[in-house]
Amino acid sequence: MTAEQLLRNIEECRERMIDLASYSSMVDHQVVEASTELDKLINQYIYLTKKQ
């Protein structure tokens, strides 16, 4: 996966998490899952860009 793809995925996941949180609480299971996924994507992006 390229850095550009990761950035798109990060933005999509961030928007999904915000949307979910606006209709529920920050501790809702789906919000926590989206936040965890966002963390993983950000970590992948950092790892990928540090290697270059």
N, C-alpha and C. Protein backbone atom coordinates (compact mmCIF):
# COMPACT_ATOMS: atom_id res chain seq x y z
N MET A 1 0.85 -1.17 0.00
CA MET A 1 0.00 0.00 0.00
C MET A 1 0.90 1.24 0.00
N THR A 2 0.53 2.21 -0.80
CA THR A 2 1.34 3.43 -0.89
C THR A 2 0.92 4.42 0.20
N ALA A 3 1.77 5.41 0.40
CA ALA A 3 1.48 6.46 1.38
C ALA A 3 0.20 7.20 1.01
N GLU A 4 0.00 7.42 -0.28
CA GLU A 4 -1.20 8.14 -0.72
C GLU A 4 -2.46 7.33 -0.43
N GLN A 5 -2.40 6.03 -0.64
CA GLN A 5 -3.54 5.16 -0.34
C GLN A 5 -3.83 5.16 1.16
N LEU A 6 -2.76 5.09 1.94
CA LEU A 6 -2.95 5.12 3.39
C LEU A 6 -3.58 6.43 3.84
N LEU A 7 -3.14 7.54 3.28
CA LEU A 7 -3.73 8.82 3.65
C LEU A 7 -5.22 8.87 3.32
N ARG A 8 -5.59 8.32 2.16
CA ARG A 8 -7.02 8.28 1.80
C ARG A 8 -7.79 7.40 2.80
N ASN A 9 -7.22 6.25 3.13
CA ASN A 9 -7.87 5.36 4.09
C ASN A 9 -7.98 6.00 5.47
N ILE A 10 -6.94 6.72 5.87
CA ILE A 10 -6.95 7.42 7.15
C ILE A 10 -8.08 8.44 7.18
N GLU A 11 -8.19 9.21 6.13
CA GLU A 11 -9.24 10.24 6.07
C GLU A 11 -10.63 9.62 6.07
N GLU A 12 -10.82 8.54 5.33
CA GLU A 12 -12.13 7.86 5.29
C GLU A 12 -12.47 7.30 6.68
N CYS A 13 -11.51 6.70 7.32
CA CYS A 13 -11.74 6.12 8.64
C CYS A 13 -12.02 7.22 9.67
N ARG A 14 -11.30 8.30 9.58
CA ARG A 14 -11.51 9.43 10.49
C ARG A 14 -12.93 9.98 10.34
N GLU A 15 -13.36 10.16 9.10
CA GLU A 15 -14.71 10.66 8.85
C GLU A 15 -15.78 9.69 9.36
N ARG A 16 -15.54 8.38 9.15
CA ARG A 16 -16.48 7.36 9.63
C ARG A 16 -16.57 7.40 11.15
N MET A 17 -15.41 7.53 11.82
CA MET A 17 -15.40 7.57 13.27
C MET A 17 -16.14 8.80 13.79
N ILE A 18 -15.91 9.94 13.18
CA ILE A 18 -16.60 11.17 13.60
C ILE A 18 -18.10 11.04 13.39
N ASP A 19 -18.48 10.47 12.26
CA ASP A 19 -19.90 10.28 11.97
C ASP A 19 -20.55 9.35 13.01
N LEU A 20 -19.90 8.24 13.29
CA LEU A 20 -20.42 7.31 14.28
C LEU A 20 -20.53 7.96 15.66
N ALA A 21 -19.53 8.73 16.03
CA ALA A 21 -19.52 9.37 17.35
C ALA A 21 -20.59 10.44 17.46
N SER A 22 -20.96 11.05 16.34
CA SER A 22 -21.97 12.11 16.40
C SER A 22 -23.36 11.54 16.66
N TYR A 23 -23.56 10.24 16.42
CA TYR A 23 -24.85 9.60 16.65
C TYR A 23 -24.87 8.69 17.86
N SER A 24 -23.74 8.60 18.55
CA SER A 24 -23.67 7.75 19.74
C SER A 24 -22.65 8.36 20.69
N SER A 25 -22.13 7.56 21.58
CA SER A 25 -21.13 8.07 22.52
C SER A 25 -19.74 7.64 22.07
N MET A 26 -18.75 8.27 22.66
CA MET A 26 -17.36 7.97 22.32
C MET A 26 -16.95 6.57 22.79
N VAL A 27 -17.71 5.97 23.67
CA VAL A 27 -17.38 4.63 24.16
C VAL A 27 -18.21 3.55 23.46
N ASP A 28 -19.01 3.94 22.48
CA ASP A 28 -19.77 2.97 21.71
C ASP A 28 -18.81 2.01 21.02
N HIS A 29 -19.20 0.75 20.95
CA HIS A 29 -18.35 -0.30 20.38
C HIS A 29 -17.87 0.05 18.96
N GLN A 30 -18.75 0.53 18.11
CA GLN A 30 -18.38 0.86 16.73
C GLN A 30 -17.41 2.03 16.67
N VAL A 31 -17.58 3.00 17.55
CA VAL A 31 -16.65 4.14 17.59
C VAL A 31 -15.27 3.68 18.03
N VAL A 32 -15.23 2.83 19.03
CA VAL A 32 -13.94 2.30 19.52
C VAL A 32 -13.26 1.48 18.43
N GLU A 33 -14.03 0.67 17.70
CA GLU A 33 -13.45 -0.11 16.60
C GLU A 33 -12.88 0.80 15.52
N ALA A 34 -13.62 1.86 15.17
CA ALA A 34 -13.14 2.79 14.15
C ALA A 34 -11.88 3.51 14.63
N SER A 35 -11.85 3.86 15.90
CA SER A 35 -10.68 4.53 16.47
C SER A 35 -9.46 3.60 16.44
N THR A 36 -9.67 2.34 16.77
CA THR A 36 -8.58 1.35 16.74
C THR A 36 -8.06 1.18 15.31
N GLU A 37 -8.98 1.10 14.36
CA GLU A 37 -8.59 0.97 12.96
C GLU A 37 -7.81 2.21 12.51
N LEU A 38 -8.27 3.38 12.93
CA LEU A 38 -7.58 4.62 12.58
C LEU A 38 -6.16 4.62 13.15
N ASP A 39 -6.00 4.19 14.38
CA ASP A 39 -4.67 4.10 14.99
C ASP A 39 -3.76 3.18 14.18
N LYS A 40 -4.29 2.04 13.75
CA LYS A 40 -3.49 1.10 12.97
C LYS A 40 -3.05 1.72 11.64
N LEU A 41 -3.98 2.41 10.99
CA LEU A 41 -3.64 3.05 9.71
C LEU A 41 -2.58 4.13 9.89
N ILE A 42 -2.72 4.92 10.93
CA ILE A 42 -1.74 5.98 11.19
C ILE A 42 -0.37 5.37 11.48
N ASN A 43 -0.34 4.30 12.27
CA ASN A 43 0.93 3.63 12.56
C ASN A 43 1.56 3.07 11.29
N GLN A 44 0.74 2.49 10.41
CA GLN A 44 1.26 1.99 9.13
C GLN A 44 1.85 3.13 8.30
N TYR A 45 1.16 4.25 8.29
CA TYR A 45 1.64 5.41 7.53
C TYR A 45 2.98 5.90 8.08
N ILE A 46 3.08 6.01 9.37
CA ILE A 46 4.33 6.46 10.00
C ILE A 46 5.46 5.49 9.68
N TYR A 47 5.20 4.19 9.81
CA TYR A 47 6.22 3.19 9.51
C TYR A 47 6.66 3.28 8.05
N LEU A 48 5.70 3.40 7.15
CA LEU A 48 6.00 3.46 5.73
C LEU A 48 6.82 4.71 5.38
N THR A 49 6.44 5.84 5.92
CA THR A 49 7.12 7.09 5.55
C THR A 49 8.49 7.21 6.22
N LYS A 50 8.69 6.56 7.35
CA LYS A 50 10.02 6.60 7.98
C LYS A 50 11.02 5.73 7.23
N LYS A 51 10.52 4.69 6.55
CA LYS A 51 11.41 3.81 5.79
C LYS A 51 11.97 4.50 4.54
N GLN A 52 11.25 5.48 4.04
CA GLN A 52 11.66 6.11 2.77
C GLN A 52 12.76 7.11 2.95
